[in-house]
Structures are given as C-alpha cells and as structure tokens.
Amino acid sequence: MKKIIAMISAIIMALGSSSLVFADGMITKNENAKCSIVINETVDELHRTIRNYKADENTFVDGAEEANPEEILLALGMDEEEIGRLSEEALLSCGSAKEIYYITAYTKTDESGVVSYLTEKQAVEEAAELRMKQDVARANQIKSLKLNVQKSINQQGSYSDEYMVINLLVTHNGGGNYRFVVSGVWLTMPYWRKTDSIGASAQVISINNDSRYGHYWYGRTINNNGTITTDSVHVYNGITYGNAATGNWYGSACSFSMPNDYFTDTYSIWYDDLGAYYEFTGSLIHPTLPTTFSVVGNYNHIRTSLSYSPSITITTGPFAVSISVGVYINNSTDVRGAEFQVTYTP
C-alpha cells in the first residue's frame, strides 16, 4: 500500500490567536508560542487523511504543562464548527492527551449503492454542483405540485448520488484509556431516510456504557405559501444506544430517525446538512501489555422501503473498513468508514 507521509509542524500562538507555520520534517519554534505542535500526517490509497499528535513530541514553554485543546484540534485539521460539537469531556481530554489520532474520509455513494472514497476537493466540488441541481429540481417540484403533477427530485438519475464526510477522533489519556468520537455529515441529502446509525469499534477494549453520548442535527427550510424561513435543529432525544462484539472486536453505536421532506402546493419543508455525532470511552483489556490494535468509525445508511428493526449489530462484509457497528440489513446498507491502527506502549 502506497502512502504519502508528511511531517507538519504547526506553531500555535498564545492567548487564543493561532498562527500555523508548516515545515517539512522539522519543528519551528517561536518565543511567543505556548508550544510547538507537531502533527504527523498520512494519506492512504482511499484518500483518507490520518493525522497523529503525540504530547511527548511537543515543547511547552512558560511553564505550561499542556496545550490548549482547541489549538491541538485546529492543528489536527478539525474546523471550529466540529470542535464546537464536542462534549466538554471530549474537548478537555484533548488538552491532557498522551496521543491523539484524527482521520477524515470523504465518500460518494451512487444510485446503485456503490460507495467510493474521494479527495476532499473532489467531494466538495461535486456535492456543491449536485446541490445546485437539487435546488432547481425542488423549485420545479413545488411548481409541479401547484399544477397537480407529481415528480420526485430524488429519482432523476445522478440526483440520487450522495456525498458525506466522516471524521474519527481517538484520544489516549494514559493507562490504556481511550475516548472515541465519530461524526458524519451529509454534503448532499440521501433519498432513503429511515433509521441510520453511527458508531465506532476497536479491538481488545472494554466499553464504558456510562460514557456513551450521541446527538444529530439538520438544517430546515420551510416554504409557507411563498414565505421562506430557515433554521437549525439539534436532536438529543429518541436516540438508541447499543453495543456489539465479534471475536476481539468491540463496538458501540447509536441509531436515529432521519427527517423526510414534505411537499404540498401551499406548504413545503425540506432538510439539509444533516449530521450525527457519537462518543464513548473504552479501556484496553490488557493495559500492561504493548499492543497494536485497529479502530474503525463508521456511518451506516439504510436503503430500503421495507420495515426493519433498527438493532445495533457488528458486521464484517465487503466494505472498505474491517468492520461496522450499527444498524445493518444485508444488501440494503451503505457503510462509510474511517480506519487506522493504534500502537500502545504501557
């Protein structure tokens, strides 16, 4: 497997004002910097970007014992909006972490359900183009309803393509104790909208059930007889948590119901920018032994009109990650995921 490996050195300025200085294979220091944040970056053959931060590779000045967690996450490539979604516990754990992994994957699923992985540039550009087409088709659908002509905007060839970004954050806070945070955001909304799930799995860990936490959000546009309003909705209720295991894999996920667009000739409501978030902590089963183990974060999207029981299961199958945890139906589930290996030394 061919990998592109780069060393990034980021100087984060103190007092909340951040300035990133990138260097190849070296650390740049600054007298005014709180610390020099070193990020190791790998891009795999599926264009998934894996970034790694190790506290012992960083130099703290002015007596600081740890870096500001927001500064670390920005250096890892997480944007401010995603940082704002983290729980307080997840955010604080980044400041004191011994090591952090952060991986990002951009995916496209065609109308046949085939999942492919793209570069960020390709995914963002294609998704923006598709959204413009869908906006036009939606306006035409409203006009058609006024003329009593039924037409679905999601059953017109390439309009059914779906784009998503998956992010997986793993922090090690010492003693073999890890926090797993996975999020997924739709860049274009899917046609099938029933019960989806998001979760993470790791080898040789035990899951702390009390740490499980998830929510989802979406944008909403309402057209009330020509008067258009927009807002954002965050949902914390009606989410189901579950764990599953197979072999030496242990996973946890949450499932949630997706909102469906609604159109009439006088009143319409449609949704976009839906995202989901899930986190939990876990501990290595044998924390006194050095080990290398795999971690997977995945979003499972169900493509069916049939009724089903949205139970959390763990599944191996013909997808680009070793395993998936969440709601799964054979031949009707798109699995999008990010995966990497963690090396642990006691």
Protein backbone atom coordinates (compact mmCIF):
# COMPACT_ATOMS: atom_id res chain seq x y z
CA MET A 1 0.00 0.00 0.00
CA LYS A 2 1.48 3.24 -1.11
CA LYS A 3 1.27 6.05 1.43
CA ILE A 4 2.15 9.68 1.31
CA ILE A 5 3.73 10.67 4.60
CA ALA A 6 4.36 14.22 5.60
CA MET A 7 5.54 15.85 8.79
CA ILE A 8 3.71 19.03 9.67
CA SER A 9 4.94 21.38 12.35
CA ALA A 10 2.40 23.93 13.49
CA ILE A 11 3.20 26.89 15.72
CA ILE A 12 0.19 27.87 17.77
CA MET A 13 0.35 31.39 19.18
CA ALA A 14 -0.76 32.08 22.74
CA LEU A 15 -3.81 33.93 24.00
CA GLY A 16 -6.16 32.26 21.56
CA SER A 17 -4.57 33.82 18.47
CA SER A 18 -3.36 30.94 16.30
CA SER A 19 -0.79 31.09 13.53
CA LEU A 20 0.11 27.89 11.68
CA VAL A 21 3.60 27.53 10.24
CA PHE A 22 4.13 24.38 8.19
CA ALA A 23 7.56 22.82 7.79
CA ASP A 24 8.70 19.57 6.22
CA GLY A 25 10.42 17.32 8.72
CA MET A 26 11.32 19.93 11.31
CA ILE A 27 9.96 21.84 14.27
CA THR A 28 9.76 25.62 14.09
CA LYS A 29 9.91 27.39 17.46
CA ASN A 30 8.75 30.84 18.44
CA GLU A 31 9.41 32.68 21.68
CA ASN A 32 5.79 33.84 21.89
CA ALA A 33 4.31 30.39 21.24
CA LYS A 34 2.75 28.39 24.02
CA CYS A 35 4.02 25.21 22.40
CA SER A 36 5.22 23.74 19.12
CA ILE A 37 2.55 21.32 17.91
CA VAL A 38 3.93 18.54 15.74
CA ILE A 39 1.46 16.65 13.55
CA ASN A 40 2.35 13.52 11.57
CA GLU A 41 0.12 13.09 8.53
CA THR A 42 -0.58 10.05 6.36
CA VAL A 43 -2.88 9.81 3.32
CA ASP A 44 -3.91 6.28 2.36
CA GLU A 45 -4.90 4.88 -1.01
CA LEU A 46 -8.57 5.75 -0.35
CA HIS A 47 -7.67 9.43 0.16
CA ARG A 48 -8.39 9.16 3.89
CA THR A 49 -6.22 11.59 5.84
CA ILE A 50 -4.82 10.32 9.15
CA ARG A 51 -3.17 12.83 11.49
CA ASN A 52 -1.37 11.93 14.72
CA TYR A 53 -0.33 14.10 17.68
CA LYS A 54 1.97 12.91 20.48
CA ALA A 55 2.38 15.06 23.57
CA ASP A 56 5.98 13.96 24.14
CA GLU A 57 6.98 15.33 20.72
CA ASN A 58 5.91 18.84 21.72
CA THR A 59 7.82 21.51 23.57
CA PHE A 60 5.93 23.57 26.15
CA VAL A 61 7.20 26.95 27.29
CA ASP A 62 6.38 29.40 30.08
CA GLY A 63 5.74 26.52 32.48
CA ALA A 64 2.72 25.22 30.54
CA GLU A 65 2.02 21.53 31.18
CA GLU A 66 -0.35 21.06 28.28
CA ALA A 67 -1.51 22.77 25.11
CA ASN A 68 -4.86 24.41 24.65
CA PRO A 69 -7.16 21.63 23.33
CA GLU A 70 -8.69 23.87 20.67
CA GLU A 71 -5.20 24.65 19.37
CA ILE A 72 -4.32 20.97 19.13
CA LEU A 73 -7.55 20.15 17.28
CA LEU A 74 -7.09 23.03 14.83
CA ALA A 75 -3.57 21.80 14.11
CA LEU A 76 -5.01 18.31 13.51
CA GLY A 77 -7.30 19.78 10.84
CA MET A 78 -10.60 19.90 12.74
CA ASP A 79 -12.61 23.02 11.94
CA GLU A 80 -14.18 25.30 14.54
CA GLU A 81 -17.72 24.09 13.83
CA GLU A 82 -16.77 20.48 14.54
CA ILE A 83 -14.82 21.49 17.65
CA GLY A 84 -17.96 23.23 18.88
CA ARG A 85 -19.90 19.95 18.67
CA LEU A 86 -17.54 18.09 21.01
CA SER A 87 -18.74 17.35 24.51
CA GLU A 88 -16.92 19.18 27.29
CA GLU A 89 -15.30 15.92 28.37
CA ALA A 90 -14.06 15.16 24.85
CA LEU A 91 -12.63 18.65 24.45
CA LEU A 92 -10.82 18.64 27.78
CA SER A 93 -9.38 15.18 27.15
CA CYS A 94 -7.52 16.55 24.11
CA GLY A 95 -5.53 19.02 26.22
CA SER A 96 -4.16 16.31 28.52
CA ALA A 97 -3.97 13.50 25.94
CA LYS A 98 -0.80 11.47 25.58
CA GLU A 99 -1.67 10.86 21.95
CA ILE A 100 -4.44 11.82 19.51
CA TYR A 101 -5.45 10.32 16.17
CA TYR A 102 -7.77 12.17 13.79
CA ILE A 103 -8.90 10.72 10.46
CA THR A 104 -11.15 12.22 7.78
CA ALA A 105 -12.80 10.38 4.89
CA TYR A 106 -14.92 11.79 2.04
CA THR A 107 -17.32 9.38 0.36
CA LYS A 108 -19.72 9.20 -2.54
CA THR A 109 -22.49 6.64 -2.94
CA ASP A 110 -24.05 6.31 -6.38
CA GLU A 111 -27.66 5.44 -7.06
CA SER A 112 -26.76 1.73 -7.15
CA GLY A 113 -25.39 1.90 -3.61
CA VAL A 114 -21.72 1.66 -4.56
CA VAL A 115 -19.53 3.58 -2.07
CA SER A 116 -16.32 5.23 -3.27
CA TYR A 117 -13.77 7.40 -1.48
CA LEU A 118 -12.77 10.79 -2.87
CA THR A 119 -10.35 13.59 -2.18
CA GLU A 120 -11.79 16.49 -0.19
CA LYS A 121 -11.61 18.79 -3.21
CA GLN A 122 -13.44 16.36 -5.49
CA ALA A 123 -16.15 15.57 -2.94
CA VAL A 124 -16.84 19.19 -2.01
CA GLU A 125 -16.95 20.38 -5.63
CA GLU A 126 -19.18 17.53 -6.85
CA ALA A 127 -21.51 17.87 -3.86
CA ALA A 128 -21.88 21.64 -4.41
CA GLU A 129 -22.76 21.07 -8.06
CA LEU A 130 -25.31 18.41 -7.18
CA ARG A 131 -26.92 20.59 -4.50
CA MET A 132 -27.47 23.33 -7.08
CA LYS A 133 -29.23 20.84 -9.36
CA GLN A 134 -31.35 19.59 -6.47
CA ASP A 135 -32.35 23.14 -5.52
CA VAL A 136 -33.58 23.73 -9.06
CA ALA A 137 -35.39 20.39 -9.12
CA ARG A 138 -37.03 21.17 -5.77
CA ALA A 139 -38.33 24.50 -7.06
CA ASN A 140 -39.68 22.73 -10.14
CA GLN A 141 -41.36 20.14 -7.95
CA ILE A 142 -43.21 22.83 -6.00
CA LYS A 143 -44.37 24.33 -9.29
CA SER A 144 -45.47 20.89 -10.47
CA LEU A 145 -47.50 20.34 -7.30
CA LYS A 146 -49.35 23.56 -7.94
CA LEU A 147 -50.20 22.07 -11.33
CA ASN A 148 -51.05 18.67 -9.79
CA VAL A 149 -48.07 17.00 -11.49
CA GLN A 150 -46.23 14.59 -9.16
CA LYS A 151 -42.45 14.32 -9.64
CA SER A 152 -39.74 13.24 -7.21
CA ILE A 153 -36.47 15.18 -7.23
CA ASN A 154 -34.60 12.17 -5.88
CA GLN A 155 -35.37 9.75 -8.70
CA GLN A 156 -33.73 11.53 -11.60
CA GLY A 157 -30.51 9.67 -12.36
CA SER A 158 -27.45 11.33 -10.82
CA TYR A 159 -29.67 13.29 -8.41
CA SER A 160 -29.57 10.18 -6.23
CA ASP A 161 -25.80 10.39 -5.69
CA GLU A 162 -24.92 11.02 -2.05
CA TYR A 163 -21.85 12.65 -0.53
CA MET A 164 -20.67 12.50 3.08
CA VAL A 165 -17.67 13.33 5.26
CA ILE A 166 -16.72 11.03 8.17
CA ASN A 167 -14.42 12.13 11.00
CA LEU A 168 -12.97 9.90 13.71
CA LEU A 169 -11.12 11.28 16.75
CA VAL A 170 -9.33 8.96 19.18
CA THR A 171 -7.54 10.25 22.26
CA HIS A 172 -5.33 8.30 24.64
CA ASN A 173 -5.26 9.73 28.14
CA GLY A 174 -2.85 7.23 29.61
CA GLY A 175 -3.10 3.77 31.16
CA GLY A 176 -4.75 2.28 28.07
CA ASN A 177 -7.82 4.52 28.46
CA TYR A 178 -9.21 5.87 25.19
CA ARG A 179 -12.02 8.14 24.04
CA PHE A 180 -13.64 7.52 20.65
CA VAL A 181 -15.55 10.30 18.87
CA VAL A 182 -17.09 9.78 15.43
CA SER A 183 -19.16 12.20 13.36
CA GLY A 184 -20.68 12.14 9.90
CA VAL A 185 -22.17 15.00 7.87
CA TRP A 186 -24.18 14.66 4.68
CA LEU A 187 -22.85 17.01 1.98
CA THR A 188 -25.96 16.15 -0.05
CA MET A 189 -29.06 14.62 1.49
CA PRO A 190 -29.88 10.98 0.72
CA TYR A 191 -33.04 9.74 -0.91
CA TRP A 192 -33.74 6.92 1.57
CA ARG A 193 -34.47 8.33 5.03
CA LYS A 194 -35.44 5.88 7.74
CA THR A 195 -33.25 4.84 10.70
CA ASP A 196 -29.49 5.28 10.29
CA SER A 197 -26.64 4.78 12.75
CA ILE A 198 -23.15 5.99 13.59
CA GLY A 199 -20.56 4.31 15.80
CA ALA A 200 -17.02 3.11 16.35
CA SER A 201 -15.28 -0.20 17.05
CA ALA A 202 -11.87 -1.18 18.35
CA GLN A 203 -10.04 -4.37 19.07
CA VAL A 204 -9.27 -5.62 22.59
CA ILE A 205 -11.12 -2.88 24.52
CA SER A 206 -13.92 -2.81 27.07
CA ILE A 207 -16.58 -0.12 26.62
CA ASN A 208 -17.74 2.21 29.38
CA ASN A 209 -21.51 2.35 28.90
CA ASP A 210 -21.93 5.40 31.13
CA SER A 211 -19.79 7.44 28.71
CA ARG A 212 -21.98 6.90 25.65
CA TYR A 213 -23.38 10.10 24.19
CA GLY A 214 -24.91 10.98 20.83
CA HIS A 215 -27.00 13.55 19.03
CA TYR A 216 -27.82 14.66 15.50
CA TRP A 217 -28.74 17.90 13.76
CA TYR A 218 -30.04 19.26 10.46
CA GLY A 219 -30.96 22.42 8.64
CA ARG A 220 -34.61 23.05 7.83
CA THR A 221 -36.26 25.20 5.18
CA ILE A 222 -39.98 25.93 5.27
CA ASN A 223 -41.92 27.35 2.34
CA ASN A 224 -45.30 28.53 3.61
CA ASN A 225 -47.16 29.67 0.50
CA GLY A 226 -44.12 31.55 -0.78
CA THR A 227 -42.78 32.79 2.57
CA ILE A 228 -39.48 31.01 3.21
CA THR A 229 -37.84 30.59 6.62
CA THR A 230 -34.79 28.58 7.66
CA ASP A 231 -33.45 27.29 10.96
CA SER A 232 -31.27 24.58 12.50
CA VAL A 233 -32.47 21.76 14.75
CA HIS A 234 -30.42 19.70 17.23
CA VAL A 235 -31.96 16.44 18.45
CA TYR A 236 -30.85 14.80 21.70
CA ASN A 237 -33.89 12.60 22.40
CA GLY A 238 -35.17 9.47 20.67
CA ILE A 239 -31.64 8.15 20.12
CA THR A 240 -30.94 4.48 20.82
CA TYR A 241 -27.54 3.30 22.10
CA GLY A 242 -26.21 -0.22 21.71
CA ASN A 243 -23.04 -2.31 21.90
CA ALA A 244 -21.98 -5.35 19.93
CA ALA A 245 -18.97 -7.65 19.71
CA THR A 246 -17.46 -10.32 17.50
CA GLY A 247 -14.13 -12.03 18.01
CA ASN A 248 -11.78 -9.44 19.53
CA TRP A 249 -13.78 -6.50 18.12
CA TYR A 250 -15.95 -4.42 20.45
CA GLY A 251 -18.18 -1.65 19.13
CA SER A 252 -20.80 0.86 20.20
CA ALA A 253 -23.22 2.93 18.13
CA CYS A 254 -26.39 4.99 18.23
CA SER A 255 -29.34 4.91 15.85
CA PHE A 256 -31.69 7.76 14.97
CA SER A 257 -34.61 8.57 12.67
CA MET A 258 -33.95 10.80 9.67
CA PRO A 259 -36.45 13.55 8.76
CA ASN A 260 -38.31 13.35 5.47
CA ASP A 261 -39.09 16.24 3.14
CA TYR A 262 -42.74 17.20 2.80
CA PHE A 263 -44.29 18.95 -0.19
CA THR A 264 -47.76 20.29 -0.94
CA ASP A 265 -48.91 23.03 -3.26
CA THR A 266 -49.05 25.54 -0.37
CA TYR A 267 -46.68 24.24 2.31
CA SER A 268 -43.30 22.53 1.96
CA ILE A 269 -40.48 21.61 4.31
CA TRP A 270 -37.13 20.17 3.37
CA TYR A 271 -33.94 19.28 5.19
CA ASP A 272 -30.23 19.55 4.52
CA ASP A 273 -26.81 19.43 6.23
CA LEU A 274 -27.81 16.52 8.45
CA GLY A 275 -25.04 15.27 10.71
CA ALA A 276 -24.65 12.81 13.56
CA TYR A 277 -22.23 12.54 16.49
CA TYR A 278 -21.36 9.72 18.86
CA GLU A 279 -18.73 9.21 21.54
CA PHE A 280 -17.75 6.76 24.27
CA THR A 281 -14.71 5.74 26.28
CA GLY A 282 -13.06 2.37 26.49
CA SER A 283 -10.08 0.71 28.12
CA LEU A 284 -7.65 -1.88 26.83
CA ILE A 285 -8.39 -5.31 28.23
CA HIS A 286 -4.68 -5.88 28.89
CA PRO A 287 -3.24 -2.41 29.64
CA THR A 288 0.07 -3.77 30.93
CA LEU A 289 0.97 -5.30 27.57
CA PRO A 290 2.19 -3.43 24.48
CA THR A 291 -0.20 -3.90 21.57
CA THR A 292 -1.22 -2.64 18.16
CA PHE A 293 -4.95 -2.60 17.51
CA SER A 294 -7.32 -1.35 14.82
CA VAL A 295 -10.02 1.30 15.23
CA VAL A 296 -12.97 1.92 12.88
CA GLY A 297 -15.51 4.74 12.82
CA ASN A 298 -18.49 4.18 10.53
CA TYR A 299 -21.84 5.59 9.42
CA ASN A 300 -24.42 3.03 8.24
CA HIS A 301 -27.15 4.25 5.88
CA ILE A 302 -30.15 2.02 5.16
CA ARG A 303 -31.55 1.97 1.61
CA THR A 304 -34.92 0.22 1.69
CA SER A 305 -38.63 0.91 1.75
CA LEU A 306 -39.27 -2.18 3.90
CA SER A 307 -39.87 -2.09 7.63
CA TYR A 308 -37.00 -3.28 9.80
CA SER A 309 -35.89 -3.48 13.41
CA PRO A 310 -33.10 -0.94 13.94
CA SER A 311 -30.98 -3.01 16.33
CA ILE A 312 -27.25 -2.43 16.82
CA THR A 313 -25.11 -5.25 15.41
CA ILE A 314 -21.47 -5.65 14.43
CA THR A 315 -20.79 -6.87 10.90
CA THR A 316 -17.90 -7.82 8.66
CA GLY A 317 -18.50 -7.55 4.97
CA PRO A 318 -17.40 -6.32 1.56
CA PHE A 319 -16.77 -2.70 2.50
CA ALA A 320 -13.70 -0.51 2.81
CA VAL A 321 -13.33 -0.97 6.58
CA SER A 322 -12.72 -4.16 8.54
CA ILE A 323 -15.98 -3.98 10.44
CA SER A 324 -19.08 -1.88 11.00
CA VAL A 325 -21.21 -1.39 14.09
CA GLY A 326 -24.76 -0.13 13.92
CA VAL A 327 -28.00 -0.83 12.07
CA TYR A 328 -27.32 -3.25 9.24
CA ILE A 329 -29.51 -5.00 6.64
CA ASN A 330 -27.92 -7.34 4.10
CA ASN A 331 -27.83 -5.84 0.58
CA SER A 332 -29.52 -2.65 1.81
CA THR A 333 -26.82 -0.89 3.84
CA ASP A 334 -24.19 1.60 2.72
CA VAL A 335 -21.20 1.52 5.08
CA ARG A 336 -18.93 4.57 5.05
CA GLY A 337 -15.94 4.49 7.35
CA ALA A 338 -12.50 5.51 8.52
CA GLU A 339 -9.93 3.08 9.89
CA PHE A 340 -6.39 3.11 11.24
CA GLN A 341 -4.10 1.27 13.66
CA VAL A 342 -3.07 2.45 17.11
CA THR A 343 0.21 1.42 18.72
CA TYR A 344 0.07 1.29 22.51
CA THR A 345 3.09 1.17 24.82
CA PRO A 346 2.46 0.89 28.60
